[in-house]
Structure formats: structure tokens, C-alpha cells
PDB file of N, CA and C in Angstrom:
ATOM      1  N   MET A   1      11.766  -6.013  -7.634  1.00  0.00           N
ATOM      2  CA  MET A   1      11.418  -5.512  -6.316  1.00  0.00           C
ATOM      3  C   MET A   1       9.969  -5.870  -6.010  1.00  0.00           C
ATOM      4  N   ALA A   2       9.685  -6.229  -4.757  1.00  0.00           N
ATOM      5  CA  ALA A   2       8.328  -6.596  -4.338  1.00  0.00           C
ATOM      6  C   ALA A   2       7.462  -5.348  -4.180  1.00  0.00           C
ATOM      7  N   THR A   3       6.165  -5.536  -4.351  1.00  0.00           N
ATOM      8  CA  THR A   3       5.225  -4.436  -4.170  1.00  0.00           C
ATOM      9  C   THR A   3       4.285  -4.747  -3.021  1.00  0.00           C
ATOM     10  N   LEU A   4       3.534  -3.760  -2.591  1.00  0.00           N
ATOM     11  CA  LEU A   4       2.574  -3.941  -1.505  1.00  0.00           C
ATOM     12  C   LEU A   4       1.522  -4.980  -1.884  1.00  0.00           C
ATOM     13  N   ARG A   5       1.285  -5.128  -3.141  1.00  0.00           N
ATOM     14  CA  ARG A   5       0.320  -6.108  -3.650  1.00  0.00           C
ATOM     15  C   ARG A   5       0.731  -7.544  -3.300  1.00  0.00           C
ATOM     16  N   ASP A   6       2.037  -7.802  -3.162  1.00  0.00           N
ATOM     17  CA  ASP A   6       2.569  -9.146  -2.913  1.00  0.00           C
ATOM     18  C   ASP A   6       2.715  -9.493  -1.433  1.00  0.00           C
ATOM     19  N   VAL A   7       2.486  -8.544  -0.542  1.00  0.00           N
ATOM     20  CA  VAL A   7       2.703  -8.750   0.888  1.00  0.00           C
ATOM     21  C   VAL A   7       1.576  -9.610   1.471  1.00  0.00           C
ATOM     22  N   LYS A   8       1.937 -10.526   2.352  1.00  0.00           N
ATOM     23  CA  LYS A   8       0.966 -11.426   2.987  1.00  0.00           C
ATOM     24  C   LYS A   8       0.268 -10.745   4.162  1.00  0.00           C
ATOM     25  N   ILE A   9      -0.900 -11.261   4.520  1.00  0.00           N
ATOM     26  CA  ILE A   9      -1.684 -10.723   5.640  1.00  0.00           C
ATOM     27  C   ILE A   9      -0.864 -10.830   6.921  1.00  0.00           C
ATOM     28  N   GLY A  10      -0.831  -9.740   7.691  1.00  0.00           N
ATOM     29  CA  GLY A  10      -0.119  -9.699   8.964  1.00  0.00           C
ATOM     30  C   GLY A  10       1.317  -9.200   8.870  1.00  0.00           C
ATOM     31  N   GLU A  11       1.862  -9.112   7.685  1.00  0.00           N
ATOM     32  CA  GLU A  11       3.241  -8.644   7.516  1.00  0.00           C
ATOM     33  C   GLU A  11       3.313  -7.119   7.584  1.00  0.00           C
ATOM     34  N   THR A  12       4.412  -6.631   8.142  1.00  0.00           N
ATOM     35  CA  THR A  12       4.690  -5.200   8.172  1.00  0.00           C
ATOM     36  C   THR A  12       5.908  -4.939   7.304  1.00  0.00           C
ATOM     37  N   VAL A  13       5.775  -3.984   6.396  1.00  0.00           N
ATOM     38  CA  VAL A  13       6.859  -3.660   5.465  1.00  0.00           C
ATOM     39  C   VAL A  13       7.101  -2.155   5.461  1.00  0.00           C
ATOM     40  N   THR A  14       8.236  -1.748   4.912  1.00  0.00           N
ATOM     41  CA  THR A  14       8.578  -0.333   4.793  1.00  0.00           C
ATOM     42  C   THR A  14       8.546   0.052   3.320  1.00  0.00           C
ATOM     43  N   VAL A  15       7.926   1.182   3.022  1.00  0.00           N
ATOM     44  CA  VAL A  15       7.819   1.664   1.643  1.00  0.00           C
ATOM     45  C   VAL A  15       9.196   2.132   1.175  1.00  0.00           C
ATOM     46  N   LYS A  16       9.630   1.632   0.020  1.00  0.00           N
ATOM     47  CA  LYS A  16      10.917   2.015  -0.560  1.00  0.00           C
ATOM     48  C   LYS A  16      10.755   3.061  -1.659  1.00  0.00           C
ATOM     49  N   LYS A  17       9.673   2.936  -2.459  1.00  0.00           N
ATOM     50  CA  LYS A  17       9.521   3.818  -3.613  1.00  0.00           C
ATOM     51  C   LYS A  17       8.081   3.788  -4.108  1.00  0.00           C
ATOM     52  N   LEU A  18       7.615   4.921  -4.637  1.00  0.00           N
ATOM     53  CA  LEU A  18       6.309   4.999  -5.294  1.00  0.00           C
ATOM     54  C   LEU A  18       6.566   5.131  -6.788  1.00  0.00           C
ATOM     55  N   THR A  19       5.920   4.278  -7.589  1.00  0.00           N
ATOM     56  CA  THR A  19       6.196   4.276  -9.025  1.00  0.00           C
ATOM     57  C   THR A  19       5.081   4.892  -9.858  1.00  0.00           C
ATOM     58  N   GLY A  20       4.016   5.366  -9.242  1.00  0.00           N
ATOM     59  CA  GLY A  20       2.905   5.951  -9.988  1.00  0.00           C
ATOM     60  C   GLY A  20       3.290   7.247 -10.680  1.00  0.00           C
ATOM     61  N   GLU A  21       2.398   7.731 -11.531  1.00  0.00           N
ATOM     62  CA  GLU A  21       2.624   8.970 -12.261  1.00  0.00           C
ATOM     63  C   GLU A  21       1.577  10.012 -11.894  1.00  0.00           C
ATOM     64  N   GLY A  22       1.975  11.257 -11.824  1.00  0.00           N
ATOM     65  CA  GLY A  22       1.068  12.388 -11.690  1.00  0.00           C
ATOM     66  C   GLY A  22       0.058  12.298 -10.572  1.00  0.00           C
ATOM     67  N   ALA A  23      -1.226  12.395 -10.935  1.00  0.00           N
ATOM     68  CA  ALA A  23      -2.314  12.465  -9.960  1.00  0.00           C
ATOM     69  C   ALA A  23      -2.421  11.197  -9.118  1.00  0.00           C
ATOM     70  N   VAL A  24      -2.131  10.043  -9.707  1.00  0.00           N
ATOM     71  CA  VAL A  24      -2.221   8.783  -8.959  1.00  0.00           C
ATOM     72  C   VAL A  24      -1.176   8.755  -7.853  1.00  0.00           C
ATOM     73  N   LYS A  25       0.044   9.121  -8.181  1.00  0.00           N
ATOM     74  CA  LYS A  25       1.122   9.152  -7.182  1.00  0.00           C
ATOM     75  C   LYS A  25       0.795  10.171  -6.087  1.00  0.00           C
ATOM     76  N   ARG A  26       0.281  11.313  -6.473  1.00  0.00           N
ATOM     77  CA  ARG A  26      -0.071  12.358  -5.507  1.00  0.00           C
ATOM     78  C   ARG A  26      -1.166  11.874  -4.553  1.00  0.00           C
ATOM     79  N   ARG A  27      -2.155  11.155  -5.087  1.00  0.00           N
ATOM     80  CA  ARG A  27      -3.258  10.641  -4.265  1.00  0.00           C
ATOM     81  C   ARG A  27      -2.737   9.639  -3.232  1.00  0.00           C
ATOM     82  N   ILE A  28      -1.823   8.763  -3.648  1.00  0.00           N
ATOM     83  CA  ILE A  28      -1.240   7.787  -2.721  1.00  0.00           C
ATOM     84  C   ILE A  28      -0.457   8.512  -1.629  1.00  0.00           C
ATOM     85  N   MET A  29       0.304   9.525  -2.004  1.00  0.00           N
ATOM     86  CA  MET A  29       1.065  10.292  -1.018  1.00  0.00           C
ATOM     87  C   MET A  29       0.140  11.048  -0.071  1.00  0.00           C
ATOM     88  N   ASP A  30      -0.970  11.573  -0.576  1.00  0.00           N
ATOM     89  CA  ASP A  30      -1.927  12.286   0.268  1.00  0.00           C
ATOM     90  C   ASP A  30      -2.571  11.370   1.306  1.00  0.00           C
ATOM     91  N   MET A  31      -2.621  10.070   1.021  1.00  0.00           N
ATOM     92  CA  MET A  31      -3.170   9.100   1.973  1.00  0.00           C
ATOM     93  C   MET A  31      -2.172   8.753   3.069  1.00  0.00           C
ATOM     94  N   GLY A  32      -0.953   9.274   2.978  1.00  0.00           N
ATOM     95  CA  GLY A  32       0.048   9.059   4.013  1.00  0.00           C
ATOM     96  C   GLY A  32       1.076   7.999   3.678  1.00  0.00           C
ATOM     97  N   ILE A  33       1.022   7.456   2.480  1.00  0.00           N
ATOM     98  CA  ILE A  33       1.982   6.434   2.083  1.00  0.00           C
ATOM     99  C   ILE A  33       3.129   7.124   1.348  1.00  0.00           C
ATOM    100  N   THR A  34       4.232   7.294   2.064  1.00  0.00           N
ATOM    101  CA  THR A  34       5.416   7.941   1.506  1.00  0.00           C
ATOM    102  C   THR A  34       6.634   7.063   1.780  1.00  0.00           C
ATOM    103  N   LYS A  35       7.756   7.381   1.157  1.00  0.00           N
ATOM    104  CA  LYS A  35       8.986   6.609   1.339  1.00  0.00           C
ATOM    105  C   LYS A  35       9.359   6.554   2.819  1.00  0.00           C
ATOM    106  N   GLY A  36       9.665   5.350   3.307  1.00  0.00           N
ATOM    107  CA  GLY A  36      10.069   5.161   4.696  1.00  0.00           C
ATOM    108  C   GLY A  36       8.928   4.862   5.640  1.00  0.00           C
ATOM    109  N   THR A  37       7.689   4.910   5.178  1.00  0.00           N
ATOM    110  CA  THR A  37       6.527   4.656   6.024  1.00  0.00           C
ATOM    111  C   THR A  37       6.329   3.162   6.218  1.00  0.00           C
ATOM    112  N   GLU A  38       6.010   2.748   7.450  1.00  0.00           N
ATOM    113  CA  GLU A  38       5.700   1.342   7.709  1.00  0.00           C
ATOM    114  C   GLU A  38       4.236   1.085   7.418  1.00  0.00           C
ATOM    115  N   VAL A  39       3.963  -0.022   6.722  1.00  0.00           N
ATOM    116  CA  VAL A  39       2.612  -0.395   6.337  1.00  0.00           C
ATOM    117  C   VAL A  39       2.383  -1.846   6.750  1.00  0.00           C
ATOM    118  N   THR A  40       1.260  -2.119   7.426  1.00  0.00           N
ATOM    119  CA  THR A  40       0.890  -3.472   7.818  1.00  0.00           C
ATOM    120  C   THR A  40      -0.345  -3.891   7.042  1.00  0.00           C
ATOM    121  N   VAL A  41      -0.292  -5.048   6.405  1.00  0.00           N
ATOM    122  CA  VAL A  41      -1.454  -5.568   5.679  1.00  0.00           C
ATOM    123  C   VAL A  41      -2.367  -6.256   6.688  1.00  0.00           C
ATOM    124  N   ARG A  42      -3.614  -5.776   6.798  1.00  0.00           N
ATOM    125  CA  ARG A  42      -4.564  -6.317   7.757  1.00  0.00           C
ATOM    126  C   ARG A  42      -5.478  -7.364   7.148  1.00  0.00           C
ATOM    127  N   LYS A  43      -6.066  -7.058   6.012  1.00  0.00           N
ATOM    128  CA  LYS A  43      -7.022  -7.967   5.380  1.00  0.00           C
ATOM    129  C   LYS A  43      -6.929  -7.833   3.868  1.00  0.00           C
ATOM    130  N   VAL A  44      -7.374  -8.884   3.201  1.00  0.00           N
ATOM    131  CA  VAL A  44      -7.524  -8.851   1.749  1.00  0.00           C
ATOM    132  C   VAL A  44      -8.928  -9.372   1.460  1.00  0.00           C
ATOM    133  N   ALA A  45      -9.661  -8.671   0.612  1.00  0.00           N
ATOM    134  CA  ALA A  45     -11.024  -9.080   0.278  1.00  0.00           C
ATOM    135  C   ALA A  45     -11.007 -10.471  -0.369  1.00  0.00           C
ATOM    136  N   PRO A  46     -12.120 -11.189  -0.301  1.00  0.00           N
ATOM    137  CA  PRO A  46     -12.171 -12.555  -0.841  1.00  0.00           C
ATOM    138  C   PRO A  46     -11.706 -12.678  -2.296  1.00  0.00           C
ATOM    139  N   LEU A  47     -11.990 -11.704  -3.123  1.00  0.00           N
ATOM    140  CA  LEU A  47     -11.550 -11.761  -4.516  1.00  0.00           C
ATOM    141  C   LEU A  47     -10.212 -11.055  -4.723  1.00  0.00           C
ATOM    142  N   GLY A  48      -9.581 -10.627  -3.616  1.00  0.00           N
ATOM    143  CA  GLY A  48      -8.255 -10.026  -3.693  1.00  0.00           C
ATOM    144  C   GLY A  48      -8.227  -8.513  -3.865  1.00  0.00           C
ATOM    145  N   ASP A  49      -9.381  -7.883  -3.974  1.00  0.00           N
ATOM    146  CA  ASP A  49      -9.415  -6.435  -4.207  1.00  0.00           C
ATOM    147  C   ASP A  49     -10.594  -5.845  -3.452  1.00  0.00           C
ATOM    148  N   PRO A  50     -10.460  -4.932  -2.545  1.00  0.00           N
ATOM    149  CA  PRO A  50      -9.266  -4.166  -2.160  1.00  0.00           C
ATOM    150  C   PRO A  50      -8.452  -4.845  -1.061  1.00  0.00           C
ATOM    151  N   ILE A  51      -7.352  -4.194  -0.718  1.00  0.00           N
ATOM    152  CA  ILE A  51      -6.456  -4.626   0.351  1.00  0.00           C
ATOM    153  C   ILE A  51      -6.588  -3.610   1.482  1.00  0.00           C
ATOM    154  N   GLU A  52      -6.790  -4.084   2.711  1.00  0.00           N
ATOM    155  CA  GLU A  52      -6.872  -3.164   3.851  1.00  0.00           C
ATOM    156  C   GLU A  52      -5.533  -3.157   4.566  1.00  0.00           C
ATOM    157  N   VAL A  53      -4.990  -1.946   4.763  1.00  0.00           N
ATOM    158  CA  VAL A  53      -3.689  -1.782   5.413  1.00  0.00           C
ATOM    159  C   VAL A  53      -3.811  -0.801   6.571  1.00  0.00           C
ATOM    160  N   THR A  54      -2.849  -0.888   7.484  1.00  0.00           N
ATOM    161  CA  THR A  54      -2.724   0.104   8.550  1.00  0.00           C
ATOM    162  C   THR A  54      -1.478   0.922   8.249  1.00  0.00           C
ATOM    163  N   VAL A  55      -1.665   2.230   8.171  1.00  0.00           N
ATOM    164  CA  VAL A  55      -0.561   3.138   7.882  1.00  0.00           C
ATOM    165  C   VAL A  55      -0.711   4.367   8.773  1.00  0.00           C
ATOM    166  N   ARG A  56       0.349   4.716   9.472  1.00  0.00           N
ATOM    167  CA  ARG A  56       0.361   5.882  10.372  1.00  0.00           C
ATOM    168  C   ARG A  56      -0.790   5.854  11.384  1.00  0.00           C
ATOM    169  N   GLY A  57      -1.163   4.661  11.837  1.00  0.00           N
ATOM    170  CA  GLY A  57      -2.163   4.540  12.895  1.00  0.00           C
ATOM    171  C   GLY A  57      -3.605   4.516  12.436  1.00  0.00           C
ATOM    172  N   TYR A  58      -3.874   4.471  11.158  1.00  0.00           N
ATOM    173  CA  TYR A  58      -5.259   4.365  10.701  1.00  0.00           C
ATOM    174  C   TYR A  58      -5.381   3.315   9.602  1.00  0.00           C
ATOM    175  N   GLU A  59      -6.619   2.819   9.421  1.00  0.00           N
ATOM    176  CA  GLU A  59      -6.877   1.793   8.414  1.00  0.00           C
ATOM    177  C   GLU A  59      -7.199   2.448   7.081  1.00  0.00           C
ATOM    178  N   LEU A  60      -6.728   1.832   6.023  1.00  0.00           N
ATOM    179  CA  LEU A  60      -6.884   2.367   4.684  1.00  0.00           C
ATOM    180  C   LEU A  60      -7.115   1.213   3.723  1.00  0.00           C
ATOM    181  N   SER A  61      -8.038   1.376   2.799  1.00  0.00           N
ATOM    182  CA  SER A  61      -8.276   0.362   1.768  1.00  0.00           C
ATOM    183  C   SER A  61      -7.690   0.850   0.454  1.00  0.00           C
ATOM    184  N   LEU A  62      -6.936  -0.034  -0.191  1.00  0.00           N
ATOM    185  CA  LEU A  62      -6.279   0.295  -1.455  1.00  0.00           C
ATOM    186  C   LEU A  62      -6.699  -0.687  -2.529  1.00  0.00           C
ATOM    187  N   ARG A  63      -6.872  -0.179  -3.735  1.00  0.00           N
ATOM    188  CA  ARG A  63      -7.111  -1.077  -4.864  1.00  0.00           C
ATOM    189  C   ARG A  63      -5.829  -1.836  -5.152  1.00  0.00           C
ATOM    190  N   LYS A  64      -5.970  -3.033  -5.689  1.00  0.00           N
ATOM    191  CA  LYS A  64      -4.809  -3.845  -6.043  1.00  0.00           C
ATOM    192  C   LYS A  64      -3.892  -3.111  -7.020  1.00  0.00           C
ATOM    193  N   GLU A  65      -4.502  -2.414  -7.944  1.00  0.00           N
ATOM    194  CA  GLU A  65      -3.756  -1.653  -8.958  1.00  0.00           C
ATOM    195  C   GLU A  65      -2.856  -0.604  -8.286  1.00  0.00           C
ATOM    196  N   ASP A  66      -3.410   0.114  -7.285  1.00  0.00           N
ATOM    197  CA  ASP A  66      -2.635   1.135  -6.569  1.00  0.00           C
ATOM    198  C   ASP A  66      -1.553   0.495  -5.706  1.00  0.00           C
ATOM    199  N   ALA A  67      -1.868  -0.628  -5.070  1.00  0.00           N
ATOM    200  CA  ALA A  67      -0.888  -1.324  -4.232  1.00  0.00           C
ATOM    201  C   ALA A  67       0.292  -1.801  -5.062  1.00  0.00           C
ATOM    202  N   GLY A  68       0.076  -2.101  -6.331  1.00  0.00           N
ATOM    203  CA  GLY A  68       1.139  -2.528  -7.217  1.00  0.00           C
ATOM    204  C   GLY A  68       2.133  -1.427  -7.552  1.00  0.00           C
ATOM    205  N   MET A  69       1.779  -0.182  -7.275  1.00  0.00           N
ATOM    206  CA  MET A  69       2.658   0.963  -7.545  1.00  0.00           C
ATOM    207  C   MET A  69       3.540   1.311  -6.353  1.00  0.00           C
ATOM    208  N   ILE A  70       3.383   0.568  -5.244  1.00  0.00           N
ATOM    209  CA  ILE A  70       4.115   0.868  -4.022  1.00  0.00           C
ATOM    210  C   ILE A  70       5.165  -0.226  -3.801  1.00  0.00           C
ATOM    211  N   GLU A  71       6.424   0.098  -4.025  1.00  0.00           N
ATOM    212  CA  GLU A  71       7.511  -0.863  -3.845  1.00  0.00           C
ATOM    213  C   GLU A  71       7.914  -0.905  -2.380  1.00  0.00           C
ATOM    214  N   VAL A  72       8.096  -2.145  -1.869  1.00  0.00           N
ATOM    215  CA  VAL A  72       8.460  -2.331  -0.452  1.00  0.00           C
ATOM    216  C   VAL A  72       9.722  -3.140  -0.331  1.00  0.00           C
TER     217      VAL A  72
END
């Protein structure tokens, strides 16, 4: 299954599953990324980390490691 880490700039995807554990998963959910949420990748930093996404109408920066825990 693809993760948010693999999505190209400008693509909009729907979150299928969060694979993190405990506090990490809770932190991602607190940012508004939950199952069924649409996420658009806006920018990726020159070295690939962090990734800027639009979720629920606001911009959010995610570490590559965290984006890898979000299946789309």
C-alpha cells in the first residue's frame, strides 16, 4: 500500500489507515489526519523533509518519517 510519503506534489489522496503506535499515532490524529480525510501535497523541501500538505483547509508540515505511517 502507498503512503503519504510517496505522493507527488499537487496530488490529492484519501487517508486509508494510520499505522503508527501510541503517542505518534495520537499526534497525527490530533493534527486532523484521520481515516477518510483528503490530503493534498503542496510542497516538498529540497532535501525531501518536511512535506507540506493541506488537510481540512489548513497547511501542515509533516516529517517524512510521520508521512510514512499514513497509508493512502
